[in-house]
Amino acid sequence: MTFETELSQGKFMIPECLVCKKSVWPPTEFCNDCFGSVSLKNGDFEGKIIEFSKQNNDYFCLVEFEKNIKIMAKMSYTPKIGQMVKISKCGISNGDYFFHVS
């Protein structure tokens, strides 16, 4: 089970080091701090909108999870800085990751 395998099935999981318990981002097989092995943590993760911009009728948000994981996510309604959101849809399309929050 890899981050990309899970993401391709629509599941957002956070890699976590089995040794030091640090969240590892970007996703890799080994911790970038202690080089320990990484496993994927499943959950209904909540993130905070840090910034956003609008293009046409879509909003693109920089969302922070676990205090050190930042992703760009699409949102269909007007976001607010500091607003808490969850991943509503994610996956891989044409080799690119995509995330939607609500």
N, C-alpha and C. Protein backbone atom coordinates (compact mmCIF):
# COMPACT_ATOMS: atom_id res chain seq x y z
N MET A 1 0.85 -1.18 0.00
CA MET A 1 0.00 0.00 0.00
C MET A 1 0.90 1.24 0.00
N THR A 2 0.71 2.09 -1.02
CA THR A 2 1.48 3.33 -1.11
C THR A 2 0.51 4.50 -1.11
N PHE A 3 1.05 5.69 -0.87
CA PHE A 3 0.24 6.89 -0.89
C PHE A 3 -0.48 7.02 -2.23
N GLU A 4 0.25 6.83 -3.33
CA GLU A 4 -0.35 6.97 -4.66
C GLU A 4 -1.41 5.92 -4.94
N THR A 5 -1.20 4.70 -4.48
CA THR A 5 -2.20 3.64 -4.66
C THR A 5 -3.50 4.02 -3.97
N GLU A 6 -3.38 4.47 -2.73
CA GLU A 6 -4.56 4.88 -1.97
C GLU A 6 -5.23 6.10 -2.58
N LEU A 7 -4.42 7.09 -2.99
CA LEU A 7 -4.97 8.31 -3.59
C LEU A 7 -5.71 7.98 -4.88
N SER A 8 -5.17 7.07 -5.68
CA SER A 8 -5.82 6.70 -6.94
C SER A 8 -7.18 6.04 -6.70
N GLN A 9 -7.41 5.54 -5.49
CA GLN A 9 -8.69 4.96 -5.11
C GLN A 9 -9.58 5.96 -4.37
N GLY A 10 -9.16 7.23 -4.35
CA GLY A 10 -9.96 8.27 -3.72
C GLY A 10 -9.80 8.37 -2.22
N LYS A 11 -8.70 7.84 -1.67
CA LYS A 11 -8.47 7.89 -0.23
C LYS A 11 -7.28 8.79 0.08
N PHE A 12 -7.49 9.78 0.94
CA PHE A 12 -6.41 10.66 1.40
C PHE A 12 -5.89 10.10 2.71
N MET A 13 -4.63 9.70 2.70
CA MET A 13 -3.99 9.16 3.90
C MET A 13 -2.71 9.94 4.15
N ILE A 14 -2.32 10.04 5.41
CA ILE A 14 -1.12 10.80 5.77
C ILE A 14 -0.02 9.83 6.17
N PRO A 15 1.14 9.91 5.50
CA PRO A 15 2.27 9.06 5.87
C PRO A 15 2.81 9.47 7.25
N GLU A 16 3.08 8.47 8.09
CA GLU A 16 3.60 8.74 9.43
C GLU A 16 4.76 7.78 9.72
N CYS A 17 5.82 8.32 10.29
CA CYS A 17 7.00 7.53 10.64
C CYS A 17 6.65 6.57 11.78
N LEU A 18 7.04 5.30 11.61
CA LEU A 18 6.80 4.30 12.65
C LEU A 18 7.73 4.49 13.84
N VAL A 19 8.85 5.20 13.65
CA VAL A 19 9.84 5.39 14.72
C VAL A 19 9.56 6.66 15.51
N CYS A 20 9.58 7.82 14.84
CA CYS A 20 9.44 9.09 15.55
C CYS A 20 8.03 9.67 15.53
N LYS A 21 7.11 9.01 14.81
CA LYS A 21 5.69 9.41 14.73
C LYS A 21 5.45 10.74 14.01
N LYS A 22 6.45 11.25 13.31
CA LYS A 22 6.32 12.50 12.56
C LYS A 22 5.52 12.25 11.28
N SER A 23 4.64 13.19 10.92
CA SER A 23 3.97 13.14 9.62
C SER A 23 5.00 13.45 8.55
N VAL A 24 5.02 12.66 7.50
CA VAL A 24 6.04 12.78 6.46
C VAL A 24 5.42 13.35 5.19
N TRP A 25 5.91 14.52 4.78
CA TRP A 25 5.39 15.18 3.58
C TRP A 25 6.52 15.89 2.89
N PRO A 26 6.70 15.74 1.59
CA PRO A 26 5.88 14.95 0.68
C PRO A 26 5.99 13.47 1.00
N PRO A 27 4.97 12.69 0.55
CA PRO A 27 4.91 11.28 0.87
C PRO A 27 6.13 10.51 0.34
N THR A 28 6.77 9.75 1.21
CA THR A 28 7.89 8.88 0.84
C THR A 28 7.80 7.61 1.67
N GLU A 29 8.66 6.65 1.37
CA GLU A 29 8.66 5.39 2.10
C GLU A 29 9.44 5.47 3.40
N PHE A 30 10.31 6.50 3.52
CA PHE A 30 11.14 6.64 4.71
C PHE A 30 11.02 8.05 5.27
N CYS A 31 11.12 8.17 6.58
CA CYS A 31 11.04 9.46 7.27
C CYS A 31 12.21 10.36 6.85
N ASN A 32 11.91 11.60 6.53
CA ASN A 32 12.96 12.54 6.14
C ASN A 32 13.66 13.15 7.36
N ASP A 33 13.30 12.70 8.55
CA ASP A 33 13.93 13.18 9.77
C ASP A 33 14.84 12.11 10.39
N CYS A 34 14.29 10.90 10.60
CA CYS A 34 15.08 9.85 11.26
C CYS A 34 15.33 8.63 10.36
N PHE A 35 14.81 8.66 9.14
CA PHE A 35 14.97 7.58 8.16
C PHE A 35 14.25 6.29 8.55
N GLY A 36 13.31 6.38 9.48
CA GLY A 36 12.50 5.23 9.85
C GLY A 36 11.50 4.89 8.76
N SER A 37 10.94 3.71 8.80
CA SER A 37 9.91 3.29 7.84
C SER A 37 8.63 4.07 8.09
N VAL A 38 7.84 4.22 7.04
CA VAL A 38 6.62 5.01 7.09
C VAL A 38 5.42 4.12 6.83
N SER A 39 4.33 4.37 7.55
CA SER A 39 3.06 3.71 7.27
C SER A 39 2.03 4.80 7.00
N LEU A 40 0.92 4.41 6.40
CA LEU A 40 -0.13 5.38 6.08
C LEU A 40 -1.18 5.41 7.16
N LYS A 41 -1.47 6.62 7.62
CA LYS A 41 -2.46 6.83 8.68
C LYS A 41 -3.79 7.20 8.01
N ASN A 42 -4.81 6.46 8.31
CA ASN A 42 -6.14 6.71 7.77
C ASN A 42 -6.91 7.58 8.74
N GLY A 43 -7.77 8.42 8.23
CA GLY A 43 -8.57 9.26 9.11
C GLY A 43 -9.42 10.24 8.35
N ASP A 44 -10.24 10.94 9.06
CA ASP A 44 -11.08 11.99 8.50
C ASP A 44 -10.41 13.30 8.87
N PHE A 45 -9.30 13.60 8.19
CA PHE A 45 -8.43 14.71 8.56
C PHE A 45 -9.09 16.06 8.28
N GLU A 46 -8.89 16.97 9.22
CA GLU A 46 -9.40 18.33 9.09
C GLU A 46 -8.23 19.27 8.89
N GLY A 47 -8.36 20.17 7.92
CA GLY A 47 -7.30 21.12 7.64
C GLY A 47 -7.81 22.55 7.71
N LYS A 48 -6.87 23.49 7.71
CA LYS A 48 -7.21 24.91 7.82
C LYS A 48 -6.81 25.63 6.55
N ILE A 49 -7.71 26.47 6.02
CA ILE A 49 -7.40 27.26 4.83
C ILE A 49 -6.44 28.38 5.23
N ILE A 50 -5.31 28.43 4.55
CA ILE A 50 -4.30 29.44 4.82
C ILE A 50 -4.41 30.60 3.83
N GLU A 51 -4.63 30.27 2.56
CA GLU A 51 -4.78 31.27 1.50
C GLU A 51 -5.72 30.71 0.46
N PHE A 52 -6.25 31.58 -0.41
CA PHE A 52 -7.05 31.11 -1.53
C PHE A 52 -7.05 32.14 -2.64
N SER A 53 -7.40 31.68 -3.84
CA SER A 53 -7.58 32.57 -4.98
C SER A 53 -8.75 32.06 -5.80
N LYS A 54 -9.26 32.88 -6.68
CA LYS A 54 -10.42 32.52 -7.49
C LYS A 54 -10.04 32.55 -8.96
N GLN A 55 -10.50 31.54 -9.69
CA GLN A 55 -10.34 31.51 -11.14
C GLN A 55 -11.67 31.03 -11.70
N ASN A 56 -12.27 31.88 -12.55
CA ASN A 56 -13.61 31.62 -13.07
C ASN A 56 -14.56 31.43 -11.88
N ASN A 57 -15.22 30.29 -11.77
CA ASN A 57 -16.15 30.08 -10.65
C ASN A 57 -15.60 29.14 -9.59
N ASP A 58 -14.30 28.83 -9.67
CA ASP A 58 -13.68 27.92 -8.72
C ASP A 58 -12.71 28.66 -7.81
N TYR A 59 -12.58 28.16 -6.60
CA TYR A 59 -11.62 28.68 -5.65
C TYR A 59 -10.52 27.63 -5.45
N PHE A 60 -9.30 28.11 -5.35
CA PHE A 60 -8.16 27.24 -5.10
C PHE A 60 -7.56 27.65 -3.76
N CYS A 61 -7.48 26.70 -2.86
CA CYS A 61 -7.08 26.99 -1.48
C CYS A 61 -5.78 26.27 -1.12
N LEU A 62 -4.95 26.96 -0.36
CA LEU A 62 -3.81 26.33 0.27
C LEU A 62 -4.32 25.88 1.64
N VAL A 63 -4.31 24.55 1.86
CA VAL A 63 -4.87 23.98 3.08
C VAL A 63 -3.76 23.28 3.85
N GLU A 64 -3.71 23.54 5.17
CA GLU A 64 -2.70 22.93 6.02
C GLU A 64 -3.33 21.85 6.90
N PHE A 65 -2.72 20.65 6.86
CA PHE A 65 -3.12 19.52 7.70
C PHE A 65 -1.98 19.17 8.63
N GLU A 66 -2.29 18.73 9.84
CA GLU A 66 -1.30 18.23 10.80
C GLU A 66 -0.14 19.20 11.04
N LYS A 67 -0.35 20.49 10.87
CA LYS A 67 0.62 21.56 11.14
C LYS A 67 1.85 21.56 10.24
N ASN A 68 1.99 20.61 9.30
CA ASN A 68 3.15 20.66 8.41
C ASN A 68 2.87 20.14 7.01
N ILE A 69 1.64 19.74 6.72
CA ILE A 69 1.28 19.24 5.40
C ILE A 69 0.42 20.29 4.71
N LYS A 70 0.89 20.76 3.57
CA LYS A 70 0.14 21.77 2.82
C LYS A 70 -0.18 21.23 1.44
N ILE A 71 -1.45 21.37 1.05
CA ILE A 71 -1.88 20.95 -0.28
C ILE A 71 -2.70 22.06 -0.92
N MET A 72 -2.74 22.05 -2.25
CA MET A 72 -3.64 22.93 -3.00
C MET A 72 -4.91 22.14 -3.26
N ALA A 73 -6.05 22.74 -2.95
CA ALA A 73 -7.32 22.05 -3.11
C ALA A 73 -8.34 22.98 -3.74
N LYS A 74 -9.25 22.40 -4.46
CA LYS A 74 -10.31 23.14 -5.12
C LYS A 74 -11.53 23.18 -4.20
N MET A 75 -12.24 24.32 -4.25
CA MET A 75 -13.45 24.49 -3.44
C MET A 75 -14.49 25.19 -4.31
N SER A 76 -15.75 24.80 -4.19
CA SER A 76 -16.78 25.34 -5.07
C SER A 76 -17.52 26.55 -4.51
N TYR A 77 -17.29 26.89 -3.26
CA TYR A 77 -17.94 28.07 -2.69
C TYR A 77 -16.89 28.95 -2.02
N THR A 78 -17.26 30.17 -1.68
CA THR A 78 -16.31 31.15 -1.16
C THR A 78 -15.71 30.70 0.17
N PRO A 79 -14.38 30.50 0.19
CA PRO A 79 -13.72 30.09 1.43
C PRO A 79 -13.40 31.30 2.31
N LYS A 80 -12.98 31.01 3.53
CA LYS A 80 -12.53 32.04 4.46
C LYS A 80 -11.19 31.61 5.03
N ILE A 81 -10.27 32.56 5.18
CA ILE A 81 -8.98 32.26 5.80
C ILE A 81 -9.25 31.74 7.21
N GLY A 82 -8.60 30.65 7.59
CA GLY A 82 -8.79 30.07 8.90
C GLY A 82 -9.92 29.05 8.98
N GLN A 83 -10.72 28.96 7.92
CA GLN A 83 -11.84 28.02 7.90
C GLN A 83 -11.32 26.58 7.94
N MET A 84 -11.97 25.74 8.71
CA MET A 84 -11.62 24.32 8.79
C MET A 84 -12.40 23.56 7.71
N VAL A 85 -11.69 22.69 6.99
CA VAL A 85 -12.28 21.93 5.90
C VAL A 85 -11.79 20.48 5.95
N LYS A 86 -12.48 19.63 5.21
CA LYS A 86 -12.08 18.23 5.06
C LYS A 86 -12.02 17.90 3.57
N ILE A 87 -11.23 16.91 3.24
CA ILE A 87 -11.14 16.46 1.85
C ILE A 87 -12.47 15.80 1.50
N SER A 88 -13.12 16.29 0.45
CA SER A 88 -14.38 15.70 0.03
C SER A 88 -14.20 14.78 -1.17
N LYS A 89 -13.11 15.01 -1.93
CA LYS A 89 -12.83 14.19 -3.10
C LYS A 89 -11.34 14.33 -3.40
N CYS A 90 -10.71 13.23 -3.79
CA CYS A 90 -9.30 13.28 -4.16
C CYS A 90 -8.99 12.14 -5.11
N GLY A 91 -7.86 12.24 -5.77
CA GLY A 91 -7.47 11.18 -6.69
C GLY A 91 -6.30 11.59 -7.55
N ILE A 92 -6.11 10.84 -8.62
CA ILE A 92 -5.06 11.12 -9.59
C ILE A 92 -5.71 11.12 -10.96
N SER A 93 -5.49 12.20 -11.72
CA SER A 93 -6.05 12.34 -13.06
C SER A 93 -4.93 12.75 -14.01
N ASN A 94 -4.72 11.98 -15.03
CA ASN A 94 -3.65 12.23 -16.01
C ASN A 94 -2.29 12.39 -15.33
N GLY A 95 -2.06 11.61 -14.28
CA GLY A 95 -0.78 11.65 -13.58
C GLY A 95 -0.65 12.76 -12.54
N ASP A 96 -1.66 13.60 -12.41
CA ASP A 96 -1.64 14.71 -11.44
C ASP A 96 -2.56 14.42 -10.26
N TYR A 97 -2.11 14.79 -9.06
CA TYR A 97 -2.95 14.66 -7.88
C TYR A 97 -4.01 15.76 -7.91
N PHE A 98 -5.20 15.45 -7.40
CA PHE A 98 -6.22 16.51 -7.22
C PHE A 98 -6.90 16.30 -5.88
N PHE A 99 -7.29 17.44 -5.28
CA PHE A 99 -7.95 17.45 -3.98
C PHE A 99 -9.09 18.46 -4.03
N HIS A 100 -10.23 18.09 -3.49
CA HIS A 100 -11.36 19.00 -3.32
C HIS A 100 -11.68 19.02 -1.83
N VAL A 101 -12.00 20.20 -1.32
CA VAL A 101 -12.37 20.33 0.09
C VAL A 101 -13.74 20.97 0.23
N SER A 102 -14.34 20.74 1.38
CA SER A 102 -15.62 21.38 1.69
C SER A 102 -15.74 21.50 3.20
